[in-house]
Amino acid sequence: MRKIRAIVVALVLLSASSASSFISAQSEKFGKNNVIWRDGEPNFYQSEHFDVWTWMDLKDPKQAEHFRKFMENIENACSFLGSKKMYDHILSKRLPIIVFNTHSEWASSALGGSFLPEGLGAYVESNRNRMVTKEDFLPQLKRAVTVHEMAHEFQMDLQRTNILKKDSKKNELSLGFYEGGAEFMAGQYEPHTRDDIRRLSQRMVAANPKSLPTWDHLKNDPRVNPYSMWEMVFEMLEAEFSCGVDFQVQGFKRRDISLGELIYQLTKGKLGNPDKNPQKFDEFNRDYWGGIFESE
């Protein structure tokens, strides 16, 4: 019996060793055919708030001008979003930014995983505290996307600052509060155009106000567009109660109350607490958006 057991153990170990060798060999071969689009080392540039790595040829006048405009926009956006009328916050750390020339360069870097959709213009990584973006976007769209991601950096920095506060779990923030909030705050710096993609989707939904998502759907239904539908909430609050910005900012700074309670306080009870009874909020939101696009 001991002899049989020893033989079985030996066979198991041999199989494991063979499998390990096979996986190791395959790992060495995997990815060798990937096309690398980048030439040489990136240029490094430091501005007031950012450490930037870029593969743009800064000796080329056109590329240098594109880079100058990018840095001007990101610095202005940082100052605007950090101002007292917006997040009223100073970023705790310098933000590293990686700027690729093209989508192909970005995709070949493997920074964003195995697949990057063409429509992706930038993102901020909370775990690595850095922004990654590209230059081959239409100028206005590129500015808007960059400012949107800059807003995310302020959101995450505020969250890191307040995460250990007492009762922080009481304020559960949905994806829409992040994305719609960043879209709204970016819109204060770089307003939407009439033909903006997300503006068009909002116009389509508002054509039939009954199709607007309710408060419960906004918070709990993953099918609700977190960008455009939640941004409409911030816009309505700003237009009617001058508290859209406060709703976004206090949502991160005041972790001791729910979003429904925050709406109740900021609107002085006029929309009730939608976490407890969403009827007032839902009706007001539908009435507001039912007529807003008719005047445009």
C-alpha atoms as a PDB file:
ATOM      1  CA  MET A   1       0.000   0.000   0.000  1.00  0.00           C
ATOM      2  CA  ARG A   2       2.834   2.416   0.909  1.00  0.00           C
ATOM      3  CA  LYS A   3       4.569   1.576  -2.374  1.00  0.00           C
ATOM      4  CA  ILE A   4       1.423   2.331  -4.412  1.00  0.00           C
ATOM      5  CA  ARG A   5       0.892   5.606  -2.509  1.00  0.00           C
ATOM      6  CA  ALA A   6       4.482   6.654  -3.205  1.00  0.00           C
ATOM      7  CA  ILE A   7       4.064   5.933  -6.922  1.00  0.00           C
ATOM      8  CA  VAL A   8       0.848   8.006  -7.060  1.00  0.00           C
ATOM      9  CA  VAL A   9       2.516  10.959  -5.296  1.00  0.00           C
ATOM     10  CA  ALA A  10       5.466  10.756  -7.687  1.00  0.00           C
ATOM     11  CA  LEU A  11       3.160  10.783 -10.717  1.00  0.00           C
ATOM     12  CA  VAL A  12       1.248  13.804  -9.364  1.00  0.00           C
ATOM     13  CA  LEU A  13       4.469  15.720  -8.771  1.00  0.00           C
ATOM     14  CA  LEU A  14       5.752  14.816 -12.236  1.00  0.00           C
ATOM     15  CA  SER A  15       2.495  15.996 -13.853  1.00  0.00           C
ATOM     16  CA  ALA A  16       2.578  19.263 -11.920  1.00  0.00           C
ATOM     17  CA  SER A  17       6.189  19.832 -12.918  1.00  0.00           C
ATOM     18  CA  SER A  18       5.414  19.165 -16.592  1.00  0.00           C
ATOM     19  CA  ALA A  19       2.390  21.480 -16.527  1.00  0.00           C
ATOM     20  CA  SER A  20       4.431  24.204 -14.856  1.00  0.00           C
ATOM     21  CA  SER A  21       7.154  23.898 -17.491  1.00  0.00           C
ATOM     22  CA  PHE A  22       4.554  24.047 -20.279  1.00  0.00           C
ATOM     23  CA  ILE A  23       2.860  27.151 -18.828  1.00  0.00           C
ATOM     24  CA  SER A  24       6.222  28.834 -18.304  1.00  0.00           C
ATOM     25  CA  ALA A  25       7.266  28.098 -21.883  1.00  0.00           C
ATOM     26  CA  GLN A  26       3.977  29.400 -23.265  1.00  0.00           C
ATOM     27  CA  SER A  27       4.201  32.534 -21.110  1.00  0.00           C
ATOM     28  CA  GLU A  28       7.597  33.335 -22.601  1.00  0.00           C
ATOM     29  CA  LYS A  29       6.145  33.098 -26.121  1.00  0.00           C
ATOM     30  CA  PHE A  30       2.857  34.902 -25.389  1.00  0.00           C
ATOM     31  CA  GLY A  31       2.726  38.500 -26.629  1.00  0.00           C
ATOM     32  CA  LYS A  32       5.888  38.325 -28.747  1.00  0.00           C
ATOM     33  CA  ASN A  33       3.887  39.223 -31.866  1.00  0.00           C
ATOM     34  CA  ASN A  34       2.329  42.341 -30.321  1.00  0.00           C
ATOM     35  CA  VAL A  35       3.059  45.461 -32.364  1.00  0.00           C
ATOM     36  CA  ILE A  36       4.893  48.143 -30.375  1.00  0.00           C
ATOM     37  CA  TRP A  37       4.038  51.569 -31.753  1.00  0.00           C
ATOM     38  CA  ARG A  38       6.203  53.688 -29.458  1.00  0.00           C
ATOM     39  CA  ASP A  39       9.687  54.837 -30.433  1.00  0.00           C
ATOM     40  CA  GLY A  40      12.207  55.443 -27.669  1.00  0.00           C
ATOM     41  CA  GLU A  41      11.643  56.829 -24.207  1.00  0.00           C
ATOM     42  CA  PRO A  42       8.882  59.328 -23.398  1.00  0.00           C
ATOM     43  CA  ASN A  43       9.527  63.006 -22.801  1.00  0.00           C
ATOM     44  CA  PHE A  44       9.070  64.107 -19.184  1.00  0.00           C
ATOM     45  CA  TYR A  45       7.514  67.442 -18.292  1.00  0.00           C
ATOM     46  CA  GLN A  46       6.597  69.009 -14.941  1.00  0.00           C
ATOM     47  CA  SER A  47       3.967  71.698 -14.515  1.00  0.00           C
ATOM     48  CA  GLU A  48       2.564  73.258 -11.357  1.00  0.00           C
ATOM     49  CA  HIS A  49       0.358  70.275 -10.467  1.00  0.00           C
ATOM     50  CA  PHE A  50       1.345  67.432 -12.795  1.00  0.00           C
ATOM     51  CA  ASP A  51       4.184  65.103 -13.765  1.00  0.00           C
ATOM     52  CA  VAL A  52       3.678  64.287 -17.448  1.00  0.00           C
ATOM     53  CA  TRP A  53       5.160  61.571 -19.655  1.00  0.00           C
ATOM     54  CA  THR A  54       4.456  61.859 -23.376  1.00  0.00           C
ATOM     55  CA  TRP A  55       5.643  60.280 -26.628  1.00  0.00           C
ATOM     56  CA  MET A  56       4.775  63.448 -28.540  1.00  0.00           C
ATOM     57  CA  ASP A  57       7.697  64.933 -30.471  1.00  0.00           C
ATOM     58  CA  LEU A  58       8.033  68.234 -28.652  1.00  0.00           C
ATOM     59  CA  LYS A  59      10.630  69.413 -31.177  1.00  0.00           C
ATOM     60  CA  ASP A  60       7.943  69.372 -33.850  1.00  0.00           C
ATOM     61  CA  PRO A  61       6.148  72.776 -33.799  1.00  0.00           C
ATOM     62  CA  LYS A  62       2.663  71.329 -34.383  1.00  0.00           C
ATOM     63  CA  GLN A  63       2.983  68.627 -31.729  1.00  0.00           C
ATOM     64  CA  ALA A  64       4.572  71.089 -29.314  1.00  0.00           C
ATOM     65  CA  GLU A  65       1.587  73.419 -29.791  1.00  0.00           C
ATOM     66  CA  HIS A  66      -0.867  70.553 -29.184  1.00  0.00           C
ATOM     67  CA  PHE A  67       1.001  69.691 -25.997  1.00  0.00           C
ATOM     68  CA  ARG A  68       1.038  73.328 -24.864  1.00  0.00           C
ATOM     69  CA  LYS A  69      -2.744  73.545 -25.284  1.00  0.00           C
ATOM     70  CA  PHE A  70      -3.211  70.263 -23.435  1.00  0.00           C
ATOM     71  CA  MET A  71      -1.154  71.463 -20.467  1.00  0.00           C
ATOM     72  CA  GLU A  72      -2.887  74.849 -20.449  1.00  0.00           C
ATOM     73  CA  ASN A  73      -6.287  73.152 -20.408  1.00  0.00           C
ATOM     74  CA  ILE A  74      -5.460  70.630 -17.674  1.00  0.00           C
ATOM     75  CA  GLU A  75      -3.876  73.268 -15.416  1.00  0.00           C
ATOM     76  CA  ASN A  76      -6.800  75.661 -15.901  1.00  0.00           C
ATOM     77  CA  ALA A  77      -9.262  72.829 -15.248  1.00  0.00           C
ATOM     78  CA  CYS A  78      -7.416  71.860 -12.069  1.00  0.00           C
ATOM     79  CA  SER A  79      -7.549  75.439 -10.783  1.00  0.00           C
ATOM     80  CA  PHE A  80     -11.218  75.782 -11.754  1.00  0.00           C
ATOM     81  CA  LEU A  81     -12.351  72.496 -10.182  1.00  0.00           C
ATOM     82  CA  GLY A  82     -10.367  73.145  -7.016  1.00  0.00           C
ATOM     83  CA  SER A  83     -11.780  76.658  -6.576  1.00  0.00           C
ATOM     84  CA  LYS A  84     -14.160  77.621  -3.773  1.00  0.00           C
ATOM     85  CA  LYS A  85     -17.194  77.667  -6.076  1.00  0.00           C
ATOM     86  CA  MET A  86     -16.512  74.084  -7.177  1.00  0.00           C
ATOM     87  CA  TYR A  87     -14.891  71.304  -5.080  1.00  0.00           C
ATOM     88  CA  ASP A  88     -13.105  73.812  -2.804  1.00  0.00           C
ATOM     89  CA  HIS A  89     -10.245  71.361  -2.429  1.00  0.00           C
ATOM     90  CA  ILE A  90      -6.486  71.199  -2.998  1.00  0.00           C
ATOM     91  CA  LEU A  91      -5.243  67.871  -4.366  1.00  0.00           C
ATOM     92  CA  SER A  92      -3.133  66.086  -1.779  1.00  0.00           C
ATOM     93  CA  LYS A  93      -0.569  64.799  -4.319  1.00  0.00           C
ATOM     94  CA  ARG A  94       0.874  65.663  -7.702  1.00  0.00           C
ATOM     95  CA  LEU A  95      -0.923  63.715 -10.417  1.00  0.00           C
ATOM     96  CA  PRO A  96       1.133  61.666 -12.904  1.00  0.00           C
ATOM     97  CA  ILE A  97      -0.256  61.851 -16.464  1.00  0.00           C
ATOM     98  CA  ILE A  98       0.662  59.627 -19.412  1.00  0.00           C
ATOM     99  CA  VAL A  99      -0.148  61.158 -22.809  1.00  0.00           C
ATOM    100  CA  PHE A 100      -0.128  58.985 -25.931  1.00  0.00           C
ATOM    101  CA  ASN A 101      -0.155  60.384 -29.468  1.00  0.00           C
ATOM    102  CA  THR A 102      -2.721  57.969 -30.841  1.00  0.00           C
ATOM    103  CA  HIS A 103      -5.207  55.322 -29.798  1.00  0.00           C
ATOM    104  CA  SER A 104      -2.970  52.657 -31.367  1.00  0.00           C
ATOM    105  CA  GLU A 105      -0.033  53.696 -29.175  1.00  0.00           C
ATOM    106  CA  TRP A 106      -2.237  53.540 -26.111  1.00  0.00           C
ATOM    107  CA  ALA A 107      -3.678  50.131 -26.999  1.00  0.00           C
ATOM    108  CA  SER A 108      -0.225  48.655 -27.641  1.00  0.00           C
ATOM    109  CA  SER A 109       1.006  49.772 -24.214  1.00  0.00           C
ATOM    110  CA  ALA A 110      -1.279  47.276 -22.399  1.00  0.00           C
ATOM    111  CA  LEU A 111      -1.945  49.930 -19.731  1.00  0.00           C
ATOM    112  CA  GLY A 112      -5.689  49.598 -20.179  1.00  0.00           C
ATOM    113  CA  GLY A 113      -5.900  45.826 -20.430  1.00  0.00           C
ATOM    114  CA  SER A 114      -6.576  43.702 -23.492  1.00  0.00           C
ATOM    115  CA  PHE A 115      -9.087  45.986 -25.256  1.00  0.00           C
ATOM    116  CA  LEU A 116      -9.596  49.744 -25.387  1.00  0.00           C
ATOM    117  CA  PRO A 117     -12.669  51.005 -27.295  1.00  0.00           C
ATOM    118  CA  GLU A 118     -11.962  53.770 -29.818  1.00  0.00           C
ATOM    119  CA  GLY A 119     -14.340  56.117 -28.012  1.00  0.00           C
ATOM    120  CA  LEU A 120     -12.288  56.032 -24.819  1.00  0.00           C
ATOM    121  CA  GLY A 121     -10.421  59.308 -24.460  1.00  0.00           C
ATOM    122  CA  ALA A 122      -8.951  59.132 -20.967  1.00  0.00           C
ATOM    123  CA  TYR A 123      -9.282  57.551 -17.552  1.00  0.00           C
ATOM    124  CA  VAL A 124      -7.979  58.020 -14.025  1.00  0.00           C
ATOM    125  CA  GLU A 125      -6.709  55.010 -12.068  1.00  0.00           C
ATOM    126  CA  SER A 126      -7.597  55.373  -8.397  1.00  0.00           C
ATOM    127  CA  ASN A 127      -5.297  52.571  -7.246  1.00  0.00           C
ATOM    128  CA  ARG A 128      -2.258  54.019  -9.039  1.00  0.00           C
ATOM    129  CA  ASN A 129      -3.268  57.659  -8.736  1.00  0.00           C
ATOM    130  CA  ARG A 130      -2.554  58.552 -12.369  1.00  0.00           C
ATOM    131  CA  MET A 131      -4.316  59.748 -15.528  1.00  0.00           C
ATOM    132  CA  VAL A 132      -3.875  58.162 -18.954  1.00  0.00           C
ATOM    133  CA  THR A 133      -5.051  59.964 -22.097  1.00  0.00           C
ATOM    134  CA  LYS A 134      -4.455  60.373 -25.841  1.00  0.00           C
ATOM    135  CA  GLU A 135      -4.159  63.243 -28.292  1.00  0.00           C
ATOM    136  CA  ASP A 136      -6.088  62.010 -31.350  1.00  0.00           C
ATOM    137  CA  PHE A 137      -9.491  63.383 -30.339  1.00  0.00           C
ATOM    138  CA  LEU A 138     -11.484  66.333 -31.640  1.00  0.00           C
ATOM    139  CA  PRO A 139     -10.268  69.427 -29.710  1.00  0.00           C
ATOM    140  CA  GLN A 140     -13.506  70.260 -27.875  1.00  0.00           C
ATOM    141  CA  LEU A 141     -14.222  66.611 -27.073  1.00  0.00           C
ATOM    142  CA  LYS A 142     -10.639  66.124 -25.892  1.00  0.00           C
ATOM    143  CA  ARG A 143     -10.920  69.106 -23.552  1.00  0.00           C
ATOM    144  CA  ALA A 144     -14.244  67.878 -22.165  1.00  0.00           C
ATOM    145  CA  VAL A 145     -12.952  64.334 -21.600  1.00  0.00           C
ATOM    146  CA  THR A 146      -9.811  65.582 -19.863  1.00  0.00           C
ATOM    147  CA  VAL A 147     -11.787  67.838 -17.521  1.00  0.00           C
ATOM    148  CA  HIS A 148     -14.222  64.978 -16.782  1.00  0.00           C
ATOM    149  CA  GLU A 149     -11.293  62.802 -15.668  1.00  0.00           C
ATOM    150  CA  MET A 150      -9.834  65.699 -13.698  1.00  0.00           C
ATOM    151  CA  ALA A 151     -13.136  65.877 -11.809  1.00  0.00           C
ATOM    152  CA  HIS A 152     -12.752  62.173 -10.992  1.00  0.00           C
ATOM    153  CA  GLU A 153      -9.366  62.923  -9.438  1.00  0.00           C
ATOM    154  CA  PHE A 154     -10.966  65.487  -7.125  1.00  0.00           C
ATOM    155  CA  GLN A 155     -13.735  63.009  -6.267  1.00  0.00           C
ATOM    156  CA  MET A 156     -11.265  60.282  -5.351  1.00  0.00           C
ATOM    157  CA  ASP A 157      -9.008  62.634  -3.417  1.00  0.00           C
ATOM    158  CA  LEU A 158     -11.982  63.836  -1.368  1.00  0.00           C
ATOM    159  CA  GLN A 159     -13.045  60.250  -0.824  1.00  0.00           C
ATOM    160  CA  ARG A 160      -9.580  59.258   0.380  1.00  0.00           C
ATOM    161  CA  THR A 161      -9.635  62.238   2.744  1.00  0.00           C
ATOM    162  CA  ASN A 162     -13.053  61.417   4.230  1.00  0.00           C
ATOM    163  CA  ILE A 163     -13.190  57.616   4.059  1.00  0.00           C
ATOM    164  CA  LEU A 164     -12.277  57.129   7.729  1.00  0.00           C
ATOM    165  CA  LYS A 165     -14.894  59.534   9.059  1.00  0.00           C
ATOM    166  CA  LYS A 166     -17.540  58.202  11.417  1.00  0.00           C
ATOM    167  CA  ASP A 167     -20.681  56.824   9.729  1.00  0.00           C
ATOM    168  CA  SER A 168     -18.980  57.024   6.307  1.00  0.00           C
ATOM    169  CA  LYS A 169     -20.897  53.930   5.169  1.00  0.00           C
ATOM    170  CA  LYS A 170     -24.218  55.736   5.563  1.00  0.00           C
ATOM    171  CA  ASN A 171     -23.566  57.634   2.346  1.00  0.00           C
ATOM    172  CA  GLU A 172     -23.443  54.935  -0.347  1.00  0.00           C
ATOM    173  CA  LEU A 173     -22.498  56.539  -3.653  1.00  0.00           C
ATOM    174  CA  SER A 174     -23.642  54.929  -6.896  1.00  0.00           C
ATOM    175  CA  LEU A 175     -21.618  54.837 -10.114  1.00  0.00           C
ATOM    176  CA  GLY A 176     -23.930  57.505 -11.505  1.00  0.00           C
ATOM    177  CA  PHE A 177     -23.053  59.910  -8.710  1.00  0.00           C
ATOM    178  CA  TYR A 178     -19.399  59.651  -9.779  1.00  0.00           C
ATOM    179  CA  GLU A 179     -19.887  59.698 -13.558  1.00  0.00           C
ATOM    180  CA  GLY A 180     -22.861  62.037 -13.784  1.00  0.00           C
ATOM    181  CA  GLY A 181     -21.266  64.307 -11.202  1.00  0.00           C
ATOM    182  CA  ALA A 182     -17.973  64.451 -13.098  1.00  0.00           C
ATOM    183  CA  GLU A 183     -19.875  65.140 -16.326  1.00  0.00           C
ATOM    184  CA  PHE A 184     -21.818  67.955 -14.662  1.00  0.00           C
ATOM    185  CA  MET A 185     -18.745  69.542 -13.056  1.00  0.00           C
ATOM    186  CA  ALA A 186     -16.820  69.290 -16.331  1.00  0.00           C
ATOM    187  CA  GLY A 187     -19.772  70.959 -18.043  1.00  0.00           C
ATOM    188  CA  GLN A 188     -19.370  73.987 -15.782  1.00  0.00           C
ATOM    189  CA  TYR A 189     -15.892  74.423 -17.277  1.00  0.00           C
ATOM    190  CA  GLU A 190     -16.566  73.193 -20.832  1.00  0.00           C
ATOM    191  CA  PRO A 191     -20.330  73.521 -21.502  1.00  0.00           C
ATOM    192  CA  HIS A 192     -22.176  71.027 -23.685  1.00  0.00           C
ATOM    193  CA  THR A 193     -22.969  71.906 -27.253  1.00  0.00           C
ATOM    194  CA  ARG A 194     -26.417  71.332 -28.729  1.00  0.00           C
ATOM    195  CA  ASP A 195     -25.101  68.333 -30.674  1.00  0.00           C
ATOM    196  CA  ASP A 196     -23.047  66.764 -27.903  1.00  0.00           C
ATOM    197  CA  ILE A 197     -23.536  62.968 -27.908  1.00  0.00           C
ATOM    198  CA  ARG A 198     -24.763  62.801 -24.310  1.00  0.00           C
ATOM    199  CA  ARG A 199     -26.883  65.901 -24.783  1.00  0.00           C
ATOM    200  CA  LEU A 200     -28.625  64.162 -27.670  1.00  0.00           C
ATOM    201  CA  SER A 201     -29.379  61.130 -25.498  1.00  0.00           C
ATOM    202  CA  GLN A 202     -30.821  63.425 -22.824  1.00  0.00           C
ATOM    203  CA  ARG A 203     -32.964  65.175 -25.429  1.00  0.00           C
ATOM    204  CA  MET A 204     -34.341  61.826 -26.615  1.00  0.00           C
ATOM    205  CA  VAL A 205     -35.286  60.728 -23.100  1.00  0.00           C
ATOM    206  CA  ALA A 206     -36.808  64.095 -22.201  1.00  0.00           C
ATOM    207  CA  ALA A 207     -39.021  63.926 -25.306  1.00  0.00           C
ATOM    208  CA  ASN A 208     -41.129  61.552 -23.208  1.00  0.00           C
ATOM    209  CA  PRO A 209     -40.629  62.642 -19.574  1.00  0.00           C
ATOM    210  CA  LYS A 210     -42.317  59.493 -18.299  1.00  0.00           C
ATOM    211  CA  SER A 211     -39.301  57.565 -19.586  1.00  0.00           C
ATOM    212  CA  LEU A 212     -36.965  59.454 -17.242  1.00  0.00           C
ATOM    213  CA  PRO A 213     -35.541  57.075 -14.628  1.00  0.00           C
ATOM    214  CA  THR A 214     -37.028  57.408 -11.156  1.00  0.00           C
ATOM    215  CA  TRP A 215     -34.882  58.006  -8.083  1.00  0.00           C
ATOM    216  CA  ASP A 216     -35.008  54.304  -7.267  1.00  0.00           C
ATOM    217  CA  HIS A 217     -33.904  53.413 -10.788  1.00  0.00           C
ATOM    218  CA  LEU A 218     -31.113  55.989 -10.693  1.00  0.00           C
ATOM    219  CA  LYS A 219     -29.715  54.426  -7.548  1.00  0.00           C
ATOM    220  CA  ASN A 220     -30.323  50.752  -8.187  1.00  0.00           C
ATOM    221  CA  ASP A 221     -30.838  49.949 -11.887  1.00  0.00           C
ATOM    222  CA  PRO A 222     -27.540  49.161 -13.701  1.00  0.00           C
ATOM    223  CA  ARG A 223     -29.268  49.751 -17.065  1.00  0.00           C
ATOM    224  CA  VAL A 224     -29.578  53.486 -16.351  1.00  0.00           C
ATOM    225  CA  ASN A 225     -26.907  55.490 -18.188  1.00  0.00           C
ATOM    226  CA  PRO A 226     -24.717  56.753 -15.313  1.00  0.00           C
ATOM    227  CA  TYR A 227     -23.361  59.675 -17.337  1.00  0.00           C
ATOM    228  CA  SER A 228     -26.298  61.405 -19.003  1.00  0.00           C
ATOM    229  CA  MET A 229     -29.201  60.433 -16.716  1.00  0.00           C
ATOM    230  CA  TRP A 230     -27.428  61.314 -13.475  1.00  0.00           C
ATOM    231  CA  GLU A 231     -26.048  64.516 -14.953  1.00  0.00           C
ATOM    232  CA  MET A 232     -29.639  65.596 -15.554  1.00  0.00           C
ATOM    233  CA  VAL A 233     -30.244  65.362 -11.800  1.00  0.00           C
ATOM    234  CA  PHE A 234     -27.338  67.711 -11.069  1.00  0.00           C
ATOM    235  CA  GLU A 235     -28.457  70.114 -13.814  1.00  0.00           C
ATOM    236  CA  MET A 236     -32.016  70.235 -12.498  1.00  0.00           C
ATOM    237  CA  LEU A 237     -30.824  70.865  -8.931  1.00  0.00           C
ATOM    238  CA  GLU A 238     -28.487  73.639 -10.092  1.00  0.00           C
ATOM    239  CA  ALA A 239     -31.062  75.332 -12.330  1.00  0.00           C
ATOM    240  CA  GLU A 240     -33.963  75.221  -9.870  1.00  0.00           C
ATOM    241  CA  PHE A 241     -32.280  75.320  -6.447  1.00  0.00           C
ATOM    242  CA  SER A 242     -28.699  76.499  -7.152  1.00  0.00           C
ATOM    243  CA  CYS A 243     -27.384  73.384  -5.434  1.00  0.00           C
ATOM    244  CA  GLY A 244     -26.167  71.023  -8.181  1.00  0.00           C
ATOM    245  CA  VAL A 245     -22.533  71.755  -7.364  1.00  0.00           C
ATOM    246  CA  ASP A 246     -23.207  71.507  -3.627  1.00  0.00           C
ATOM    247  CA  PHE A 247     -24.949  68.155  -4.111  1.00  0.00           C
ATOM    248  CA  GLN A 248     -21.861  66.765  -5.858  1.00  0.00           C
ATOM    249  CA  VAL A 249     -19.333  68.228  -3.421  1.00  0.00           C
ATOM    250  CA  GLN A 250     -21.204  67.552  -0.184  1.00  0.00           C
ATOM    251  CA  GLY A 251     -21.912  64.021  -1.353  1.00  0.00           C
ATOM    252  CA  PHE A 252     -18.191  63.359  -0.963  1.00  0.00           C
ATOM    253  CA  LYS A 253     -17.489  65.605   2.011  1.00  0.00           C
ATOM    254  CA  ARG A 254     -20.492  64.660   4.163  1.00  0.00           C
ATOM    255  CA  ARG A 255     -20.341  60.912   4.507  1.00  0.00           C
ATOM    256  CA  ASP A 256     -22.649  60.927   7.547  1.00  0.00           C
ATOM    257  CA  ILE A 257     -25.930  61.424   5.638  1.00  0.00           C
ATOM    258  CA  SER A 258     -27.548  59.693   2.674  1.00  0.00           C
ATOM    259  CA  LEU A 259     -27.997  61.365  -0.709  1.00  0.00           C
ATOM    260  CA  GLY A 260     -31.749  61.546  -0.103  1.00  0.00           C
ATOM    261  CA  GLU A 261     -31.202  63.432   3.158  1.00  0.00           C
ATOM    262  CA  LEU A 262     -28.755  65.717   1.380  1.00  0.00           C
ATOM    263  CA  ILE A 263     -31.332  66.590  -1.294  1.00  0.00           C
ATOM    264  CA  TYR A 264     -33.868  67.307   1.467  1.00  0.00           C
ATOM    265  CA  GLN A 265     -31.461  69.731   3.159  1.00  0.00           C
ATOM    266  CA  LEU A 266     -30.200  71.453   0.003  1.00  0.00           C
ATOM    267  CA  THR A 267     -33.711  72.025  -1.415  1.00  0.00           C
ATOM    268  CA  LYS A 268     -35.116  72.985   1.999  1.00  0.00           C
ATOM    269  CA  GLY A 269     -37.530  70.083   1.892  1.00  0.00           C
ATOM    270  CA  LYS A 270     -39.150  71.030  -1.432  1.00  0.00           C
ATOM    271  CA  LEU A 271     -38.233  67.673  -2.994  1.00  0.00           C
ATOM    272  CA  GLY A 272     -38.632  65.712   0.213  1.00  0.00           C
ATOM    273  CA  ASN A 273     -36.225  62.899   1.026  1.00  0.00           C
ATOM    274  CA  PRO A 274     -36.366  60.669  -2.077  1.00  0.00           C
ATOM    275  CA  ASP A 275     -34.723  57.817  -0.169  1.00  0.00           C
ATOM    276  CA  LYS A 276     -37.877  57.624   1.953  1.00  0.00           C
ATOM    277  CA  ASN A 277     -40.505  58.815  -0.530  1.00  0.00           C
ATOM    278  CA  PRO A 278     -39.334  59.618  -4.086  1.00  0.00           C
ATOM    279  CA  GLN A 279     -42.687  60.888  -5.407  1.00  0.00           C
ATOM    280  CA  LYS A 280     -41.935  64.631  -5.052  1.00  0.00           C
ATOM    281  CA  PHE A 281     -38.493  64.261  -6.581  1.00  0.00           C
ATOM    282  CA  ASP A 282     -39.671  62.114  -9.496  1.00  0.00           C
ATOM    283  CA  GLU A 283     -42.584  64.413 -10.372  1.00  0.00           C
ATOM    284  CA  PHE A 284     -40.471  67.570 -10.149  1.00  0.00           C
ATOM    285  CA  ASN A 285     -37.689  66.047 -12.271  1.00  0.00           C
ATOM    286  CA  ARG A 286     -40.165  64.950 -14.965  1.00  0.00           C
ATOM    287  CA  ASP A 287     -41.888  68.352 -15.031  1.00  0.00           C
ATOM    288  CA  TYR A 288     -38.573  70.196 -15.292  1.00  0.00           C
ATOM    289  CA  TRP A 289     -37.159  68.141 -18.154  1.00  0.00           C
ATOM    290  CA  GLY A 290     -40.506  67.918 -19.903  1.00  0.00           C
ATOM    291  CA  GLY A 291     -40.213  71.529 -21.031  1.00  0.00           C
ATOM    292  CA  ILE A 292     -36.511  72.321 -20.902  1.00  0.00           C
ATOM    293  CA  PHE A 293     -35.585  71.272 -24.448  1.00  0.00           C
ATOM    294  CA  GLU A 294     -38.686  72.847 -25.999  1.00  0.00           C
ATOM    295  CA  SER A 295     -37.204  76.278 -25.305  1.00  0.00           C
ATOM    296  CA  GLU A 296     -33.921  75.507 -27.100  1.00  0.00           C
END
